Structure formats: structure tokens, C-alpha cells
């Protein structure tokens, strides 16, 4: 089973690290994105998720029902979640679900993202107690995925209202 690539609207960018020279960003999807893609690809009645504790860790199992002549067959893929900084249990449940969906291939192209560095001139940096941070919000403006890999990406700093990152590894067509 193959799932479609994520769109710009389904990918969020969050600040990973900050220093006086700028910040790095990470691309991610949320659990609602995975649910939408499962619903549209296999139908809301043909997938399910189950959570279980294994050695104190919360795992999510995502199953997809494959109809067959000899009866329906459920195929399951599983992964573990990590706690979030805000809501421990909810964060673990959501993270394990997103990871299990990665195992199915949903959003796997995010693993091919380039290193995203935003220089200080393109981000409003603040320093408190010798620690750098920013409240700027970033948005994936455009993404092009080919054969499961990100080949072009642009990111806007919504707070500053301008494009701050551009990546494109496609070969330019010399015949155009």
C-alpha cells in the first residue's frame, strides 16, 4: 500500500535550536494529518489504532484491513512514542501514532528534509538569562517531492512576512 505525499498545508515547521547566529527548524506532521490520509486512502472503517504499554512505554498499533476472497486480513504496524513537554500521556499517544503511521509510509518523505538553518537576519532573536530564543512562526510555503524525496522546499517566516529558506536540488532543464 502506498500513500500520497504530504502537502504544504499538512507540514508544520518548528524551531529546533537557537543561538545568536540564527535558528534551525524541523518539519513535522500532526496526528490529524495521519488520520485524514488514512481516511481518504483506505476509508475510515478500514483502519484502526490500538495503544498498549510495553515495559512502561506506550506503543501504538495501526492496523489496515485488506479485503480478500478468504476473508478480511488486518495488517498491523507498531511504534513507541515519547512524552511531550506539555501533556505527557496525550503526547506519548500522539507521537506513537505518528511514528506507527511513518512505518506505513505516511509522511516518510520528511526524513529526507534538508538541514534548515535560518540566519539571524531572518529571525527575531531574543536573549533571556544567556539563552537565545524566538517567538517567530514559520510556515512551509512550497514543497516538491519526487520519488519519496524532498527536492525543493521554501519556508516563510510568518512573523516577518518573508521567505527565509529556499532549497532546490532539481536540475534545470536547459531546453526551456
C-alpha atoms as a PDB file:
ATOM      1  CA  UNK A   1       0.000   0.000   0.000  1.00  0.00           C
ATOM      2  CA  UNK A   2       1.316   3.396  -0.973  1.00  0.00           C
ATOM      3  CA  UNK A   3       0.149   6.719   0.442  1.00  0.00           C
ATOM      4  CA  UNK A   4       0.321  10.092  -1.253  1.00  0.00           C
ATOM      5  CA  UNK A   5       2.963  12.637  -0.341  1.00  0.00           C
ATOM      6  CA  UNK A   6       2.206  15.336   2.190  1.00  0.00           C
ATOM      7  CA  UNK A   7       1.227  18.810   1.022  1.00  0.00           C
ATOM      8  CA  UNK A   8       2.452  22.187   2.236  1.00  0.00           C
ATOM      9  CA  UNK A   9      -0.658  22.624   4.359  1.00  0.00           C
ATOM     10  CA  UNK A  10      -0.019  19.322   6.158  1.00  0.00           C
ATOM     11  CA  UNK A  11       3.562  20.075   7.155  1.00  0.00           C
ATOM     12  CA  UNK A  12       4.493  22.296  10.076  1.00  0.00           C
ATOM     13  CA  UNK A  13       7.880  23.799  10.892  1.00  0.00           C
ATOM     14  CA  UNK A  14       9.083  24.246  14.445  1.00  0.00           C
ATOM     15  CA  UNK A  15      12.194  25.762  15.928  1.00  0.00           C
ATOM     16  CA  UNK A  16      14.696  23.101  16.992  1.00  0.00           C
ATOM     17  CA  UNK A  17      17.745  25.082  18.159  1.00  0.00           C
ATOM     18  CA  UNK A  18      18.516  28.765  18.568  1.00  0.00           C
ATOM     19  CA  UNK A  19      21.733  30.690  19.068  1.00  0.00           C
ATOM     20  CA  UNK A  20      23.000  34.198  18.352  1.00  0.00           C
ATOM     21  CA  UNK A  21      23.604  33.252  14.687  1.00  0.00           C
ATOM     22  CA  UNK A  22      20.032  32.090  13.967  1.00  0.00           C
ATOM     23  CA  UNK A  23      17.872  29.013  14.383  1.00  0.00           C
ATOM     24  CA  UNK A  24      17.333  25.581  12.890  1.00  0.00           C
ATOM     25  CA  UNK A  25      13.905  24.202  12.012  1.00  0.00           C
ATOM     26  CA  UNK A  26      12.366  20.743  11.917  1.00  0.00           C
ATOM     27  CA  UNK A  27       9.499  19.671   9.678  1.00  0.00           C
ATOM     28  CA  UNK A  28       6.717  17.572  11.159  1.00  0.00           C
ATOM     29  CA  UNK A  29       3.151  16.360  10.663  1.00  0.00           C
ATOM     30  CA  UNK A  30       0.470  16.076  13.293  1.00  0.00           C
ATOM     31  CA  UNK A  31      -1.755  13.114  14.129  1.00  0.00           C
ATOM     32  CA  UNK A  32      -4.806  14.705  12.459  1.00  0.00           C
ATOM     33  CA  UNK A  33      -2.895  14.672   9.170  1.00  0.00           C
ATOM     34  CA  UNK A  34      -2.316  10.923   9.514  1.00  0.00           C
ATOM     35  CA  UNK A  35      -5.992  10.323  10.289  1.00  0.00           C
ATOM     36  CA  UNK A  36      -7.088  12.306   7.214  1.00  0.00           C
ATOM     37  CA  UNK A  37      -4.715  10.429   4.920  1.00  0.00           C
ATOM     38  CA  UNK A  38      -5.801   7.047   6.308  1.00  0.00           C
ATOM     39  CA  UNK A  39      -9.468   8.009   5.907  1.00  0.00           C
ATOM     40  CA  UNK A  40      -9.037   9.174   2.307  1.00  0.00           C
ATOM     41  CA  UNK A  41      -6.758   6.283   1.288  1.00  0.00           C
ATOM     42  CA  UNK A  42      -8.379   3.249   2.878  1.00  0.00           C
ATOM     43  CA  UNK A  43     -11.653   4.585   4.304  1.00  0.00           C
ATOM     44  CA  UNK A  44     -12.471   5.406   7.901  1.00  0.00           C
ATOM     45  CA  UNK A  45     -13.879   1.924   8.528  1.00  0.00           C
ATOM     46  CA  UNK A  46     -10.801   0.050   7.216  1.00  0.00           C
ATOM     47  CA  UNK A  47      -8.169   1.246   9.671  1.00  0.00           C
ATOM     48  CA  UNK A  48      -7.848   1.371  13.429  1.00  0.00           C
ATOM     49  CA  UNK A  49      -5.370   2.130  16.144  1.00  0.00           C
ATOM     50  CA  UNK A  50      -4.701   0.494  19.473  1.00  0.00           C
ATOM     51  CA  UNK A  51      -2.371   1.586  22.247  1.00  0.00           C
ATOM     52  CA  UNK A  52      -0.572  -0.712  24.661  1.00  0.00           C
ATOM     53  CA  UNK A  53       2.026  -0.395  27.398  1.00  0.00           C
ATOM     54  CA  UNK A  54       5.142  -2.500  26.905  1.00  0.00           C
ATOM     55  CA  UNK A  55       7.808  -2.284  29.614  1.00  0.00           C
ATOM     56  CA  UNK A  56       6.403   1.081  30.707  1.00  0.00           C
ATOM     57  CA  UNK A  57       6.461   2.545  27.183  1.00  0.00           C
ATOM     58  CA  UNK A  58       3.342   3.481  25.234  1.00  0.00           C
ATOM     59  CA  UNK A  59       3.145   1.831  21.809  1.00  0.00           C
ATOM     60  CA  UNK A  60       0.593   2.433  19.085  1.00  0.00           C
ATOM     61  CA  UNK A  61      -0.518  -0.247  16.647  1.00  0.00           C
ATOM     62  CA  UNK A  62      -2.065   0.970  13.398  1.00  0.00           C
ATOM     63  CA  UNK A  63      -3.970  -1.695  11.524  1.00  0.00           C
ATOM     64  CA  UNK A  64      -5.290  -1.610   7.972  1.00  0.00           C
ATOM     65  CA  UNK A  65      -7.922  -4.056   6.790  1.00  0.00           C
ATOM     66  CA  UNK A  66      -7.213  -5.705   3.444  1.00  0.00           C
ATOM     67  CA  UNK A  67     -10.253  -7.490   1.978  1.00  0.00           C
ATOM     68  CA  UNK A  68      -9.577 -10.879   0.416  1.00  0.00           C
ATOM     69  CA  UNK A  69     -11.629 -13.729  -1.010  1.00  0.00           C
ATOM     70  CA  UNK A  70     -10.968 -15.865   2.062  1.00  0.00           C
ATOM     71  CA  UNK A  71     -11.919 -13.038   4.454  1.00  0.00           C
ATOM     72  CA  UNK A  72     -10.546  -9.725   5.593  1.00  0.00           C
ATOM     73  CA  UNK A  73      -6.937  -9.562   6.768  1.00  0.00           C
ATOM     74  CA  UNK A  74      -5.660  -6.970   9.221  1.00  0.00           C
ATOM     75  CA  UNK A  75      -2.037  -5.903   8.872  1.00  0.00           C
ATOM     76  CA  UNK A  76      -0.525  -4.058  11.826  1.00  0.00           C
ATOM     77  CA  UNK A  77       2.489  -1.773  12.224  1.00  0.00           C
ATOM     78  CA  UNK A  78       3.682  -0.521  15.597  1.00  0.00           C
ATOM     79  CA  UNK A  79       5.962   2.084  17.148  1.00  0.00           C
ATOM     80  CA  UNK A  80       6.685   3.685  20.508  1.00  0.00           C
ATOM     81  CA  UNK A  81       6.081   7.306  21.467  1.00  0.00           C
ATOM     82  CA  UNK A  82       7.943   9.826  23.565  1.00  0.00           C
ATOM     83  CA  UNK A  83       6.488  12.248  26.086  1.00  0.00           C
ATOM     84  CA  UNK A  84       5.710  15.799  25.053  1.00  0.00           C
ATOM     85  CA  UNK A  85       6.725  18.778  27.142  1.00  0.00           C
ATOM     86  CA  UNK A  86       3.122  19.796  27.781  1.00  0.00           C
ATOM     87  CA  UNK A  87       0.816  16.783  28.051  1.00  0.00           C
ATOM     88  CA  UNK A  88       2.694  13.619  28.959  1.00  0.00           C
ATOM     89  CA  UNK A  89       0.128  10.889  28.162  1.00  0.00           C
ATOM     90  CA  UNK A  90      -1.502  12.647  25.214  1.00  0.00           C
ATOM     91  CA  UNK A  91       1.909  13.452  23.771  1.00  0.00           C
ATOM     92  CA  UNK A  92       3.035   9.843  24.009  1.00  0.00           C
ATOM     93  CA  UNK A  93      -0.180   8.579  22.401  1.00  0.00           C
ATOM     94  CA  UNK A  94       0.024  11.099  19.563  1.00  0.00           C
ATOM     95  CA  UNK A  95       3.745  10.528  18.992  1.00  0.00           C
ATOM     96  CA  UNK A  96       3.406   6.741  18.919  1.00  0.00           C
ATOM     97  CA  UNK A  97       0.517   7.043  16.433  1.00  0.00           C
ATOM     98  CA  UNK A  98       2.509   9.361  14.142  1.00  0.00           C
ATOM     99  CA  UNK A  99       5.507   7.025  14.310  1.00  0.00           C
ATOM    100  CA  UNK A 100       3.377   3.972  13.512  1.00  0.00           C
ATOM    101  CA  UNK A 101       1.976   5.890  10.518  1.00  0.00           C
ATOM    102  CA  UNK A 102       5.554   6.625   9.381  1.00  0.00           C
ATOM    103  CA  UNK A 103       6.026   2.837   9.411  1.00  0.00           C
ATOM    104  CA  UNK A 104       3.120   2.607   6.959  1.00  0.00           C
ATOM    105  CA  UNK A 105       4.849   5.250   4.820  1.00  0.00           C
ATOM    106  CA  UNK A 106       2.714   8.284   5.660  1.00  0.00           C
ATOM    107  CA  UNK A 107       4.979  11.334   5.625  1.00  0.00           C
ATOM    108  CA  UNK A 108       8.149   9.290   5.285  1.00  0.00           C
ATOM    109  CA  UNK A 109       9.459  11.967   2.898  1.00  0.00           C
ATOM    110  CA  UNK A 110      10.001  14.212   5.930  1.00  0.00           C
ATOM    111  CA  UNK A 111      13.042  12.059   6.737  1.00  0.00           C
ATOM    112  CA  UNK A 112      14.649  13.431   3.550  1.00  0.00           C
ATOM    113  CA  UNK A 113      14.336  17.071   4.629  1.00  0.00           C
ATOM    114  CA  UNK A 114      17.475  19.166   4.259  1.00  0.00           C
ATOM    115  CA  UNK A 115      19.107  20.838   7.222  1.00  0.00           C
ATOM    116  CA  UNK A 116      17.092  24.023   7.652  1.00  0.00           C
ATOM    117  CA  UNK A 117      19.077  26.946   9.050  1.00  0.00           C
ATOM    118  CA  UNK A 118      17.570  30.406   9.316  1.00  0.00           C
ATOM    119  CA  UNK A 119      20.267  33.108   9.748  1.00  0.00           C
ATOM    120  CA  UNK A 120      19.873  35.796  12.416  1.00  0.00           C
ATOM    121  CA  UNK A 121      18.958  38.430   9.807  1.00  0.00           C
ATOM    122  CA  UNK A 122      15.791  36.413   9.029  1.00  0.00           C
ATOM    123  CA  UNK A 123      14.572  35.733  12.562  1.00  0.00           C
ATOM    124  CA  UNK A 124      13.737  37.936  15.555  1.00  0.00           C
ATOM    125  CA  UNK A 125      16.066  36.640  18.256  1.00  0.00           C
ATOM    126  CA  UNK A 126      15.732  37.395  21.941  1.00  0.00           C
ATOM    127  CA  UNK A 127      18.070  36.596  24.788  1.00  0.00           C
ATOM    128  CA  UNK A 128      16.954  35.841  28.331  1.00  0.00           C
ATOM    129  CA  UNK A 129      19.297  34.602  31.056  1.00  0.00           C
ATOM    130  CA  UNK A 130      22.048  33.940  28.497  1.00  0.00           C
ATOM    131  CA  UNK A 131      19.715  31.732  26.444  1.00  0.00           C
ATOM    132  CA  UNK A 132      18.632  32.577  22.896  1.00  0.00           C
ATOM    133  CA  UNK A 133      15.083  32.015  21.654  1.00  0.00           C
ATOM    134  CA  UNK A 134      12.497  33.289  19.196  1.00  0.00           C
ATOM    135  CA  UNK A 135       8.731  33.584  19.062  1.00  0.00           C
ATOM    136  CA  UNK A 136       8.683  33.734  15.257  1.00  0.00           C
ATOM    137  CA  UNK A 137       6.313  31.387  13.427  1.00  0.00           C
ATOM    138  CA  UNK A 138       7.478  29.556  10.322  1.00  0.00           C
ATOM    139  CA  UNK A 139       5.401  28.020   7.543  1.00  0.00           C
ATOM    140  CA  UNK A 140       6.156  25.643   4.682  1.00  0.00           C
ATOM    141  CA  UNK A 141       5.390  27.819   1.686  1.00  0.00           C
ATOM    142  CA  UNK A 142       6.077  25.242  -1.045  1.00  0.00           C
ATOM    143  CA  UNK A 143       7.364  21.695  -1.181  1.00  0.00           C
ATOM    144  CA  UNK A 144       8.107  19.429  -4.132  1.00  0.00           C
ATOM    145  CA  UNK A 145       8.528  15.718  -3.517  1.00  0.00           C
ATOM    146  CA  UNK A 146       9.815  13.370  -6.196  1.00  0.00           C
ATOM    147  CA  UNK A 147      10.194   9.618  -5.740  1.00  0.00           C
ATOM    148  CA  UNK A 148       9.680   9.966  -1.992  1.00  0.00           C
ATOM    149  CA  UNK A 149      12.323  12.671  -1.521  1.00  0.00           C
ATOM    150  CA  UNK A 150      12.069  16.379  -0.922  1.00  0.00           C
ATOM    151  CA  UNK A 151      13.709  18.038  -3.930  1.00  0.00           C
ATOM    152  CA  UNK A 152      12.522  21.617  -3.373  1.00  0.00           C
ATOM    153  CA  UNK A 153      11.351  23.492  -0.300  1.00  0.00           C
ATOM    154  CA  UNK A 154      10.656  27.078   0.665  1.00  0.00           C
ATOM    155  CA  UNK A 155       9.826  28.368   4.134  1.00  0.00           C
ATOM    156  CA  UNK A 156       8.373  31.701   5.197  1.00  0.00           C
ATOM    157  CA  UNK A 157       8.820  33.491   8.467  1.00  0.00           C
ATOM    158  CA  UNK A 158       5.190  34.453   9.021  1.00  0.00           C
ATOM    159  CA  UNK A 159       6.149  36.878  11.774  1.00  0.00           C
ATOM    160  CA  UNK A 160       8.445  38.842   9.441  1.00  0.00           C
ATOM    161  CA  UNK A 161       6.242  38.131   6.384  1.00  0.00           C
ATOM    162  CA  UNK A 162       9.006  36.959   4.067  1.00  0.00           C
ATOM    163  CA  UNK A 163      10.648  33.851   2.615  1.00  0.00           C
ATOM    164  CA  UNK A 164      13.667  32.892   4.700  1.00  0.00           C
ATOM    165  CA  UNK A 165      14.700  29.488   3.315  1.00  0.00           C
ATOM    166  CA  UNK A 166      14.971  28.100  -0.193  1.00  0.00           C
ATOM    167  CA  UNK A 167      16.199  24.640  -1.196  1.00  0.00           C
ATOM    168  CA  UNK A 168      16.089  23.175  -4.705  1.00  0.00           C
ATOM    169  CA  UNK A 169      18.158  20.246  -5.979  1.00  0.00           C
ATOM    170  CA  UNK A 170      16.295  19.745  -9.241  1.00  0.00           C
ATOM    171  CA  UNK A 171      18.395  20.002 -12.366  1.00  0.00           C
ATOM    172  CA  UNK A 172      17.399  22.951 -14.506  1.00  0.00           C
ATOM    173  CA  UNK A 173      16.020  21.908 -17.877  1.00  0.00           C
ATOM    174  CA  UNK A 174      18.416  23.510 -20.421  1.00  0.00           C
ATOM    175  CA  UNK A 175      15.882  23.076 -23.250  1.00  0.00           C
ATOM    176  CA  UNK A 176      13.406  25.581 -21.751  1.00  0.00           C
END
